[in-house]
Structure formats: C-alpha cells, structure tokens
Protein backbone atom coordinates (compact mmCIF):
# COMPACT_ATOMS: atom_id res chain seq x y z
CA MET A 1 30.99 32.14 171.63
CA GLY A 2 30.95 33.38 167.96
CA ARG A 3 34.25 35.55 167.02
CA GLY A 4 33.08 39.34 167.73
CA ARG A 5 29.54 38.40 169.51
CA VAL A 6 29.09 39.74 173.05
CA ASN A 7 26.05 37.48 174.47
CA ARG A 8 24.36 39.24 177.19
CA THR A 9 24.65 37.52 180.75
CA ARG A 10 21.97 38.12 183.48
CA ASN A 11 22.93 37.62 187.19
CA ASN A 12 20.14 37.61 189.96
CA ARG A 13 19.34 35.93 193.02
CA GLU A 14 15.92 34.08 193.00
CA ILE A 15 13.56 33.91 196.34
CA GLU A 16 10.97 31.74 195.37
CA ARG A 17 8.04 29.38 196.59
CA LYS A 18 6.87 26.24 194.80
CA PHE A 19 3.68 24.56 194.75
CA LEU A 20 1.93 21.72 193.46
CA VAL A 21 -1.56 22.48 191.52
CA LYS A 22 -4.72 21.11 192.46
CA TRP A 23 -7.12 22.47 190.08
CA LEU A 24 -6.26 24.74 186.86
CA PRO A 25 -7.17 28.13 186.92
CA ASP A 26 -10.09 29.35 184.71
CA ASN A 27 -8.46 31.76 183.22
CA LEU A 28 -5.25 29.67 181.94
CA LYS A 29 -5.94 30.07 177.88
CA ARG A 30 -5.67 33.47 177.90
CA SER A 31 -2.39 33.43 179.55
CA ARG A 32 0.77 33.55 177.78
CA SER A 33 2.48 30.07 177.41
CA PHE A 34 5.23 28.68 175.51
CA VAL A 35 7.11 25.20 175.54
CA ILE A 36 10.40 25.06 177.19
CA GLU A 37 12.75 22.32 176.38
CA GLN A 38 15.84 21.78 178.96
CA GLY A 39 18.69 19.58 179.65
CA TYR A 40 21.20 19.66 182.13
CA LEU A 41 25.25 19.69 181.28
CA ALA A 42 26.38 19.26 184.87
CA SER A 43 24.72 19.05 188.47
CA GLU A 44 26.33 18.81 191.73
CA SER A 45 24.36 17.41 195.04
CA ALA A 46 25.89 20.55 196.55
CA GLY A 47 23.37 22.67 194.38
CA ARG A 48 25.40 23.55 191.81
CA GLN A 49 23.84 23.11 187.72
CA VAL A 50 24.65 24.09 184.56
CA ARG A 51 21.46 24.30 182.44
CA LEU A 52 20.70 24.95 179.02
CA ARG A 53 17.20 25.77 177.73
CA LYS A 54 15.10 26.68 174.42
CA THR A 55 11.88 28.48 174.17
CA GLY A 56 10.54 29.42 171.17
CA ARG A 57 13.75 30.45 169.24
CA SER A 58 15.36 32.24 172.30
CA ALA A 59 18.14 29.73 174.15
CA SER A 60 20.41 30.17 177.23
CA LEU A 61 23.01 28.57 179.33
CA THR A 62 22.23 28.88 183.16
CA PHE A 63 24.52 28.39 185.92
CA LYS A 64 22.99 28.50 189.18
CA VAL A 65 24.48 27.76 192.94
CA ARG A 66 21.87 27.70 195.91
CA ARG A 67 22.96 29.60 198.97
CA GLY A 68 20.95 28.85 201.92
CA THR A 69 17.42 29.87 200.97
CA HIS A 70 18.27 31.35 197.83
CA ARG A 71 19.69 30.86 194.62
CA GLU A 72 22.09 32.75 192.76
CA GLU A 73 21.77 32.54 189.11
CA ARG A 74 24.04 33.88 186.18
CA GLU A 75 22.28 32.98 182.41
CA ILE A 76 24.00 33.64 179.16
CA LYS A 77 21.94 33.75 176.25
CA LEU A 78 22.91 31.30 173.22
CA SER A 79 22.84 31.21 169.41
CA PRO A 80 20.68 28.36 168.02
CA LYS A 81 24.16 27.04 166.79
CA GLN A 82 25.65 27.56 169.72
CA PHE A 83 22.83 25.68 171.61
CA ALA A 84 22.93 22.79 169.00
CA ALA A 85 26.13 22.30 169.75
CA LEU A 86 26.06 21.89 173.13
CA TRP A 87 22.46 19.94 173.56
CA PRO A 88 23.89 16.34 172.71
CA GLY A 89 25.91 16.55 176.23
CA THR A 90 22.18 16.85 178.16
CA THR A 91 21.04 13.22 176.71
CA GLY A 92 19.77 11.84 179.67
CA ARG A 93 19.41 14.87 181.78
CA ARG A 94 16.26 16.37 179.79
CA LEU A 95 13.01 17.68 180.56
CA ARG A 96 10.00 19.09 178.45
CA LYS A 97 6.84 21.55 179.62
CA VAL A 98 4.64 24.13 178.60
CA ARG A 99 4.85 27.09 180.89
CA TYR A 100 1.83 29.46 181.49
CA GLU A 101 2.34 33.18 182.62
CA ILE A 102 -0.45 34.30 185.19
CA PRO A 103 -0.30 37.51 186.73
CA TRP A 104 -1.75 37.46 190.66
CA GLU A 105 -1.90 40.33 192.26
CA ASN A 106 1.82 41.90 192.80
CA VAL A 107 3.68 38.74 191.28
CA LEU A 108 3.78 37.12 188.08
CA ILE A 109 2.96 32.95 188.47
CA GLU A 110 4.59 30.73 186.18
CA LEU A 111 2.29 27.36 186.00
CA ASP A 112 4.35 24.47 184.36
CA ILE A 113 2.44 21.40 182.73
CA TYR A 114 4.95 18.70 182.37
CA ARG A 115 4.88 16.43 179.04
CA GLY A 116 6.72 13.29 178.17
CA ARG A 117 7.29 10.96 181.40
CA HIS A 118 6.20 12.96 183.85
CA ALA A 119 2.69 14.11 182.11
CA GLY A 120 0.52 15.28 184.64
CA LEU A 121 2.41 17.11 187.03
CA VAL A 122 1.68 20.78 187.43
CA VAL A 123 3.85 22.97 189.12
CA ALA A 124 3.56 26.56 190.14
CA GLU A 125 6.67 28.70 190.81
CA VAL A 126 6.45 32.03 192.17
CA GLU A 127 9.58 34.73 192.54
CA PHE A 128 9.56 37.60 195.03
CA PRO A 129 11.95 40.54 194.95
CA ASP A 130 12.55 40.14 198.69
CA ARG A 131 11.87 38.59 201.60
CA ALA A 132 9.28 40.45 202.91
CA SER A 133 7.21 39.69 199.78
CA TYR A 134 7.93 36.09 199.80
CA ARG A 135 6.68 35.65 203.41
CA ARG A 136 3.44 37.84 202.77
CA PHE A 137 2.31 35.70 199.77
CA LYS A 138 -1.56 34.06 199.90
CA ALA A 139 -1.64 30.92 197.51
CA PRO A 140 -4.79 31.25 195.25
CA TRP A 141 -7.11 28.65 195.94
CA TRP A 142 -6.22 26.45 192.98
CA PHE A 143 -2.77 26.05 194.31
CA GLY A 144 -2.11 22.61 196.15
CA ARG A 145 0.91 21.72 198.98
CA GLU A 146 3.63 24.08 199.09
CA VAL A 147 6.84 21.86 197.82
CA THR A 148 9.51 24.82 198.39
CA GLY A 149 12.85 22.65 198.78
CA GLU A 150 11.50 19.12 198.38
CA LYS A 151 14.16 17.57 195.98
CA ARG A 152 12.12 15.20 194.11
CA TYR A 153 10.30 18.54 192.31
CA SER A 154 13.03 20.06 191.04
CA ASN A 155 13.64 20.16 187.31
CA VAL A 156 17.28 18.90 187.66
CA ARG A 157 15.66 15.94 189.56
CA LEU A 158 12.95 15.82 187.41
CA ALA A 159 15.19 15.94 184.49
CA LEU A 160 17.24 12.95 185.93
CA LYS A 161 14.71 10.27 186.37
C-alpha cells in the first residue's frame, strides 16, 4: 500500500443463490454492464480465497472465508499500481466475464457471461440481505437449474480449469 494512503475496506457476509441461465432476458442490453477480470492469488479447499478483481479502473483484493451456508468477505480497494504488482501472481488462475446488473423485484441479479475458455457459460447470482428474503425468492422464468453450492460453478474453480 502506498505511503500515507488509506485504502477503504468493505466487510460483509454474503447470502446468495446461483443459477444457470436458460435464456437471456429481453431487456439485457438496457442493463448496466462491465467487463470483470479476476484472478486468484490463493485458494484452499476449506473455502478460503484471496482474489484480485479489476472492473474498469477500479481494482480490489478480496479475502473470502466460507462459514456454513454463507461467506464472510473482506475487500480492500487497490490502486492501479498495486493491482499491476499483484496480478502476475494469478497466472493460470484467471477468468474474464461480462457482468450485467438487472433489477428484479426487490433484489439485483448479477448475470455473468463468461469469455475465453468458458465462453457459452451464463450464470446469474442473487445476493440477499437476510435469510427470509433468500427463502422467499422466486426465480424469473429465464433462469435454469439452481447451482448454489456446486463447486464446479464457483469462480475460483472456473479460474483454475
């Protein structure tokens, strides 16, 4: 970290569900979208991960720990110089995707269309503020099979393959 610079840290707990996508929604092109490049500096089978992510000019380092059905996450914003210094450490553990943010009822759907070796894979994730909204959620008609908890659809697993 740069001298005299304070990086903002974000802490939260994720409660989310993940689905394959059967069809792209009609209004997709009107949704906010951006390219995400991410790579992993470390990943353990117990569920701990250290991830680098770049979205436009914004970059971050995220530490995740799985705790039962939810994950604890700590994120630190990085300068472009800090990101560039760490990025080579992710060689062989990277992925690229285009993310669309789609408002749906009282939640935000993050629809990811993967590029590169995972081209053709389309996944939707929905984060919830609490367990009650998690259980109440009714998926839109264009969602496919739920894959929450299936390791083969986790970003870290996709980056390693």
